[in-house]
N, C-alpha and C. Protein backbone atom coordinates (compact mmCIF):
# COMPACT_ATOMS: atom_id res chain seq x y z
N MET A 1 19.49 -14.98 -4.47
CA MET A 1 18.75 -13.68 -3.18
C MET A 1 19.24 -12.65 -3.93
N ARG A 2 20.44 -12.41 -4.05
CA ARG A 2 20.87 -10.69 -4.11
C ARG A 2 20.04 -10.05 -5.51
N SER A 3 19.94 -10.76 -6.78
CA SER A 3 18.85 -10.11 -7.70
C SER A 3 17.60 -9.41 -6.65
N SER A 4 17.24 -10.43 -6.54
CA SER A 4 15.98 -10.54 -5.92
C SER A 4 15.93 -9.43 -4.72
N THR A 5 17.19 -9.58 -3.93
CA THR A 5 16.99 -8.37 -2.55
C THR A 5 16.88 -6.63 -3.38
N LYS A 6 17.83 -7.10 -4.68
CA LYS A 6 18.28 -5.61 -6.07
C LYS A 6 17.21 -5.45 -5.84
N GLU A 7 16.00 -6.46 -7.03
CA GLU A 7 14.99 -5.66 -7.49
C GLU A 7 14.15 -5.37 -6.46
N LYS A 8 13.97 -5.80 -5.19
CA LYS A 8 12.73 -5.53 -4.39
C LYS A 8 13.21 -4.32 -3.72
N GLY A 9 14.64 -3.62 -4.02
CA GLY A 9 15.10 -2.69 -3.38
C GLY A 9 14.42 -1.25 -4.50
N LYS A 10 14.66 -1.81 -5.80
CA LYS A 10 14.43 -1.05 -6.97
C LYS A 10 13.14 -0.79 -7.12
N GLU A 11 12.05 -1.60 -6.20
CA GLU A 11 10.54 -1.23 -6.34
C GLU A 11 10.14 -0.60 -6.01
N GLY A 12 10.86 -0.96 -4.65
CA GLY A 12 10.34 0.13 -3.37
C GLY A 12 10.36 1.48 -3.49
N GLU A 13 11.80 1.62 -4.55
CA GLU A 13 12.30 3.30 -5.15
C GLU A 13 11.00 4.03 -5.75
N GLU A 14 10.81 2.68 -6.93
CA GLU A 14 9.38 3.33 -7.84
C GLU A 14 7.87 3.40 -7.07
N LEU A 15 8.03 2.81 -5.82
CA LEU A 15 6.49 2.56 -4.96
C LEU A 15 6.97 4.40 -3.94
N ALA A 16 8.14 4.76 -3.80
CA ALA A 16 8.28 5.53 -2.66
C ALA A 16 8.35 7.25 -3.73
N VAL A 17 8.58 7.18 -4.82
CA VAL A 17 8.67 8.24 -5.38
C VAL A 17 7.23 8.56 -6.31
N THR A 18 6.49 7.57 -6.64
CA THR A 18 4.77 7.92 -6.96
C THR A 18 4.35 8.04 -5.23
N PHE A 19 4.20 8.08 -4.17
CA PHE A 19 3.81 8.34 -3.22
C PHE A 19 4.34 9.43 -2.94
N LEU A 20 5.56 9.84 -3.28
CA LEU A 20 6.06 10.97 -2.80
C LEU A 20 5.25 11.87 -3.82
N VAL A 21 5.36 11.95 -5.01
CA VAL A 21 5.02 12.54 -6.40
C VAL A 21 3.62 12.94 -5.94
N GLU A 22 1.97 12.15 -5.20
CA GLU A 22 1.25 11.98 -5.24
C GLU A 22 1.14 12.84 -4.14
N LYS A 23 2.41 12.83 -2.69
CA LYS A 23 1.71 14.15 -1.84
C LYS A 23 2.67 15.56 -1.96
N GLY A 24 2.52 15.79 -3.45
CA GLY A 24 2.93 17.13 -3.95
C GLY A 24 4.97 17.39 -4.04
N PHE A 25 5.23 16.14 -4.48
CA PHE A 25 6.97 16.49 -3.77
C PHE A 25 7.32 16.45 -5.34
N GLU A 26 8.33 17.34 -5.74
CA GLU A 26 8.87 17.30 -7.32
C GLU A 26 10.03 16.63 -6.74
N ILE A 27 9.98 15.30 -7.78
CA ILE A 27 11.20 14.64 -7.63
C ILE A 27 12.35 15.43 -8.35
N ILE A 28 13.42 16.15 -7.75
CA ILE A 28 14.84 16.64 -8.43
C ILE A 28 15.95 15.45 -9.43
N GLU A 29 16.22 14.70 -8.26
CA GLU A 29 17.10 13.43 -8.93
C GLU A 29 17.02 12.37 -7.98
N ARG A 30 17.75 11.07 -8.91
CA ARG A 30 17.08 9.71 -8.25
C ARG A 30 18.84 9.18 -8.39
N ASN A 31 19.11 8.57 -7.24
CA ASN A 31 20.54 7.43 -6.93
C ASN A 31 21.10 8.47 -7.51
N TYR A 32 21.47 10.08 -6.63
CA TYR A 32 23.00 10.44 -6.94
C TYR A 32 23.91 9.53 -5.89
N ARG A 33 25.35 9.58 -6.54
CA ARG A 33 26.33 8.90 -6.13
C ARG A 33 27.47 9.84 -5.83
N TYR A 34 28.12 9.52 -4.78
CA TYR A 34 29.84 10.44 -4.41
C TYR A 34 30.25 8.87 -3.35
N GLY A 35 31.07 8.89 -3.98
CA GLY A 35 31.92 8.24 -3.41
C GLY A 35 31.24 6.72 -3.61
N LYS A 36 31.17 6.23 -2.53
CA LYS A 36 30.86 4.71 -2.26
C LYS A 36 29.16 4.93 -1.96
N GLY A 37 29.05 6.24 -1.49
CA GLY A 37 27.07 6.24 -1.32
C GLY A 37 25.97 7.01 -2.16
N GLU A 38 24.80 6.60 -2.00
CA GLU A 38 24.18 6.59 -3.14
C GLU A 38 22.54 7.53 -2.13
N LEU A 39 21.98 8.86 -2.63
CA LEU A 39 21.20 9.17 -1.86
C LEU A 39 19.90 8.58 -2.63
N ASP A 40 18.80 8.43 -2.23
CA ASP A 40 17.97 6.98 -3.26
C ASP A 40 17.05 8.31 -4.21
N ILE A 41 16.91 9.46 -3.54
CA ILE A 41 15.96 10.63 -3.90
C ILE A 41 16.21 11.76 -3.50
N ILE A 42 16.49 12.94 -3.98
CA ILE A 42 16.08 14.27 -3.89
C ILE A 42 15.15 14.92 -4.34
N ALA A 43 14.24 15.48 -3.52
CA ALA A 43 12.93 16.36 -4.05
C ALA A 43 12.86 17.62 -3.36
N ARG A 44 11.61 18.27 -3.93
CA ARG A 44 11.40 19.49 -3.24
C ARG A 44 10.21 19.37 -3.18
N GLU A 45 10.35 20.18 -1.57
CA GLU A 45 8.51 19.93 -1.09
C GLU A 45 8.27 20.99 0.13
N LYS A 46 7.16 22.33 -0.45
CA LYS A 46 7.10 22.88 0.88
C LYS A 46 8.24 24.03 0.73
N GLY A 47 8.91 24.38 -0.14
CA GLY A 47 10.18 25.13 0.29
C GLY A 47 11.19 24.65 0.87
N PHE A 48 11.23 23.38 1.04
CA PHE A 48 12.38 22.11 1.42
C PHE A 48 13.00 21.66 0.09
N LEU A 49 14.57 21.46 0.28
CA LEU A 49 15.02 20.33 -0.34
C LEU A 49 15.28 19.16 0.48
N VAL A 50 14.89 18.31 -0.08
CA VAL A 50 14.66 16.98 0.80
C VAL A 50 15.38 16.00 0.35
N PHE A 51 15.94 15.01 1.22
CA PHE A 51 16.94 14.07 0.88
C PHE A 51 16.17 12.67 1.51
N VAL A 52 15.94 12.16 0.45
CA VAL A 52 15.05 10.68 1.06
C VAL A 52 15.75 9.73 1.13
N GLU A 53 16.10 8.64 2.19
CA GLU A 53 16.35 7.24 2.22
C GLU A 53 15.01 6.33 2.09
N VAL A 54 15.70 5.49 0.91
CA VAL A 54 14.44 4.77 1.06
C VAL A 54 14.88 3.49 1.22
N LYS A 55 14.02 2.74 2.74
CA LYS A 55 14.44 1.23 3.21
C LYS A 55 13.14 -0.06 2.67
N SER A 56 13.51 -0.93 1.70
CA SER A 56 12.46 -1.94 1.80
C SER A 56 12.88 -3.13 2.40
N ARG A 57 11.68 -3.71 3.17
CA ARG A 57 11.99 -5.37 3.68
C ARG A 57 11.02 -6.39 3.52
N GLU A 58 11.28 -7.49 2.86
CA GLU A 58 10.11 -8.08 2.47
C GLU A 58 9.51 -9.25 4.24
N SER A 59 10.29 -9.25 4.91
CA SER A 59 10.02 -9.93 6.32
C SER A 59 10.31 -9.01 7.51
N LEU A 60 9.54 -9.08 8.80
CA LEU A 60 9.97 -8.49 9.87
C LEU A 60 11.16 -9.17 11.10
N GLU A 61 12.57 -10.28 10.01
CA GLU A 61 13.16 -11.12 10.54
C GLU A 61 13.79 -9.69 11.10
N TYR A 62 14.48 -8.89 10.62
CA TYR A 62 15.44 -7.71 11.00
C TYR A 62 15.44 -6.77 11.30
N GLY A 63 13.54 -6.37 11.67
CA GLY A 63 12.57 -5.60 12.46
C GLY A 63 12.44 -4.64 10.92
N LEU A 64 12.05 -3.57 11.61
CA LEU A 64 11.21 -2.99 10.88
C LEU A 64 12.39 -2.21 9.59
N PRO A 65 11.84 -1.77 8.33
CA PRO A 65 12.90 -0.83 7.02
C PRO A 65 13.13 0.03 7.66
N GLU A 66 12.76 1.11 9.04
CA GLU A 66 13.05 1.57 9.15
C GLU A 66 14.20 1.79 10.13
N GLU A 67 14.21 0.64 11.15
CA GLU A 67 15.28 0.20 12.06
C GLU A 67 16.89 0.09 11.71
N ALA A 68 17.27 0.02 9.96
CA ALA A 68 18.05 -0.20 9.32
C ALA A 68 18.98 0.84 9.01
N ILE A 69 18.06 2.10 9.49
CA ILE A 69 18.61 3.45 9.15
C ILE A 69 19.45 3.35 10.60
N THR A 70 21.22 2.85 10.88
CA THR A 70 21.74 3.93 11.98
C THR A 70 22.44 4.71 11.54
N LYS A 71 23.27 5.42 13.26
CA LYS A 71 23.69 6.80 13.29
C LYS A 71 24.75 6.44 12.07
N ARG A 72 25.67 5.23 11.87
CA ARG A 72 26.37 5.92 10.57
C ARG A 72 26.01 5.94 9.48
N LYS A 73 24.64 4.83 9.20
CA LYS A 73 23.96 5.45 8.04
C LYS A 73 23.86 6.94 7.76
N MET A 74 22.68 7.49 8.53
CA MET A 74 22.51 8.90 8.63
C MET A 74 23.83 9.83 8.64
N SER A 75 24.86 9.54 9.26
CA SER A 75 26.25 10.35 8.77
C SER A 75 26.64 10.30 7.29
N GLN A 76 26.50 9.17 7.06
CA GLN A 76 26.78 8.96 5.68
C GLN A 76 25.70 10.07 4.47
N ILE A 77 24.82 9.63 4.76
CA ILE A 77 23.99 10.52 3.89
C ILE A 77 23.67 11.85 4.63
N ARG A 78 23.86 12.13 5.40
CA ARG A 78 24.33 13.80 5.18
C ARG A 78 25.57 14.21 4.78
N LYS A 79 26.85 13.21 4.49
CA LYS A 79 27.62 13.99 4.27
C LYS A 79 27.70 13.59 2.29
N ILE A 80 26.85 12.55 2.00
CA ILE A 80 26.75 12.79 0.53
C ILE A 80 25.59 13.73 0.22
N ALA A 81 24.94 14.38 1.48
CA ALA A 81 24.08 15.47 1.28
C ALA A 81 24.48 16.69 1.46
N GLU A 82 25.90 17.11 1.55
CA GLU A 82 26.60 18.00 1.64
C GLU A 82 27.66 18.41 0.53
N ALA A 83 28.06 16.26 -0.38
CA ALA A 83 28.47 16.62 -1.58
C ALA A 83 27.39 17.67 -2.42
N TYR A 84 26.48 16.92 -2.58
CA TYR A 84 25.32 17.07 -3.68
C TYR A 84 25.25 19.20 -3.74
N LEU A 85 25.21 19.22 -2.18
CA LEU A 85 25.05 20.55 -1.89
C LEU A 85 26.30 21.34 -2.42
N ALA A 86 27.17 20.88 -2.16
CA ALA A 86 28.62 21.82 -2.92
C ALA A 86 28.76 21.93 -4.37
N GLU A 87 28.06 20.87 -4.86
CA GLU A 87 28.45 20.08 -6.21
C GLU A 87 27.38 21.28 -6.86
N LYS A 88 26.10 21.42 -6.60
CA LYS A 88 25.34 22.23 -7.38
C LYS A 88 25.06 23.76 -6.93
N ASN A 89 26.23 23.74 -5.80
CA ASN A 89 26.44 25.33 -5.80
C ASN A 89 25.54 25.80 -5.03
N ILE A 90 24.24 25.06 -3.89
CA ILE A 90 23.23 25.46 -3.65
C ILE A 90 23.92 25.63 -1.63
N THR A 91 23.23 27.10 -1.32
CA THR A 91 23.85 27.38 -0.08
C THR A 91 22.71 27.90 0.61
N ASP A 92 21.77 28.64 0.13
CA ASP A 92 20.69 29.35 1.24
C ASP A 92 19.81 28.13 1.13
N GLU A 93 19.65 26.94 0.87
CA GLU A 93 18.36 26.16 0.60
C GLU A 93 17.99 25.25 2.32
N ASN A 94 16.42 25.50 2.46
CA ASN A 94 15.83 24.51 3.50
C ASN A 94 16.21 23.16 3.33
N ILE A 95 16.91 22.42 4.26
CA ILE A 95 17.18 20.90 3.80
C ILE A 95 16.64 20.05 5.50
N ARG A 96 15.86 18.88 4.50
CA ARG A 96 15.63 17.90 5.49
C ARG A 96 15.86 16.53 4.59
N PHE A 97 16.02 15.76 6.29
CA PHE A 97 16.39 14.23 5.27
C PHE A 97 15.03 13.70 6.22
N ASP A 98 14.34 12.75 5.03
CA ASP A 98 13.41 12.00 5.40
C ASP A 98 13.62 10.58 4.99
N VAL A 99 12.13 9.90 5.65
CA VAL A 99 12.75 8.30 5.32
C VAL A 99 11.41 7.66 5.15
N VAL A 100 11.35 7.12 3.67
CA VAL A 100 10.56 6.26 3.35
C VAL A 100 10.16 4.66 3.75
N ALA A 101 9.53 4.06 4.09
CA ALA A 101 9.79 2.49 4.58
C ALA A 101 8.44 1.49 3.98
N ILE A 102 9.59 0.99 3.23
CA ILE A 102 8.35 -0.28 2.36
C ILE A 102 7.94 -1.41 3.21
N LEU A 103 7.50 -2.06 3.73
CA LEU A 103 6.74 -3.63 3.83
C LEU A 103 5.85 -4.07 3.06
N PHE A 104 6.51 -5.45 2.34
CA PHE A 104 6.06 -6.16 1.38
C PHE A 104 6.08 -7.24 2.03
N LEU A 105 4.96 -7.56 2.75
CA LEU A 105 4.68 -8.65 3.80
C LEU A 105 2.85 -9.35 3.49
N LYS A 106 3.04 -10.73 3.29
CA LYS A 106 2.36 -11.71 2.75
C LYS A 106 1.29 -11.01 1.86
N GLY A 107 2.23 -10.38 0.62
CA GLY A 107 1.21 -9.90 -0.61
C GLY A 107 0.56 -8.56 -0.12
N GLU A 108 0.84 -7.95 0.97
CA GLU A 108 0.68 -6.28 1.67
C GLU A 108 2.00 -6.04 1.09
N ILE A 109 1.34 -4.28 0.48
CA ILE A 109 2.17 -3.30 0.54
C ILE A 109 2.40 -1.93 1.67
N SER A 110 3.13 -2.01 2.37
CA SER A 110 2.61 -0.46 3.52
C SER A 110 4.21 0.09 3.43
N ILE A 111 3.15 1.72 3.34
CA ILE A 111 4.35 2.23 3.13
C ILE A 111 4.19 3.68 4.05
N GLU A 112 5.36 3.95 4.72
CA GLU A 112 5.14 4.91 6.18
C GLU A 112 6.49 5.81 5.65
N HIS A 113 5.81 7.07 5.73
CA HIS A 113 6.76 8.19 5.25
C HIS A 113 7.25 8.81 6.55
N TYR A 114 8.55 9.38 6.54
CA TYR A 114 8.89 9.71 7.96
C TYR A 114 9.48 11.03 7.65
N GLU A 115 8.80 12.79 7.90
CA GLU A 115 9.50 13.36 7.68
C GLU A 115 10.51 13.86 8.63
N ASN A 116 11.86 14.87 8.18
CA ASN A 116 12.51 15.21 8.87
C ASN A 116 12.74 13.97 10.06
N ALA A 117 13.20 12.58 9.80
CA ALA A 117 13.27 11.94 10.21
C ALA A 117 14.86 11.52 10.81
N PHE A 118 15.22 12.99 10.62
CA PHE A 118 16.88 12.56 11.71
C PHE A 118 17.89 13.83 10.98
């Protein structure tokens, strides 16, 4: 089951990238790793550097995909974003944290985009 979950996550990220590019986002980086964490997508859109967390689910058994982003996860994403900004020596950028939630349900795919999610 693990590999299929991982594959579904990768598929979700691919769909999110396509979705964001179609909305006018410029993808800067994907799967930026720092320590034990990762930023799924880093993009530019309308004067913002946007850190995007992608969550995918195949059922509603554990709730909506976006409900998997806990306060702890938000804090981790912020810390990794700070590390990215420091590494790239970015100091005067407007930043934003978005979430793209993807649900694979009964052969249908739904995508929700939450701008400035946290």
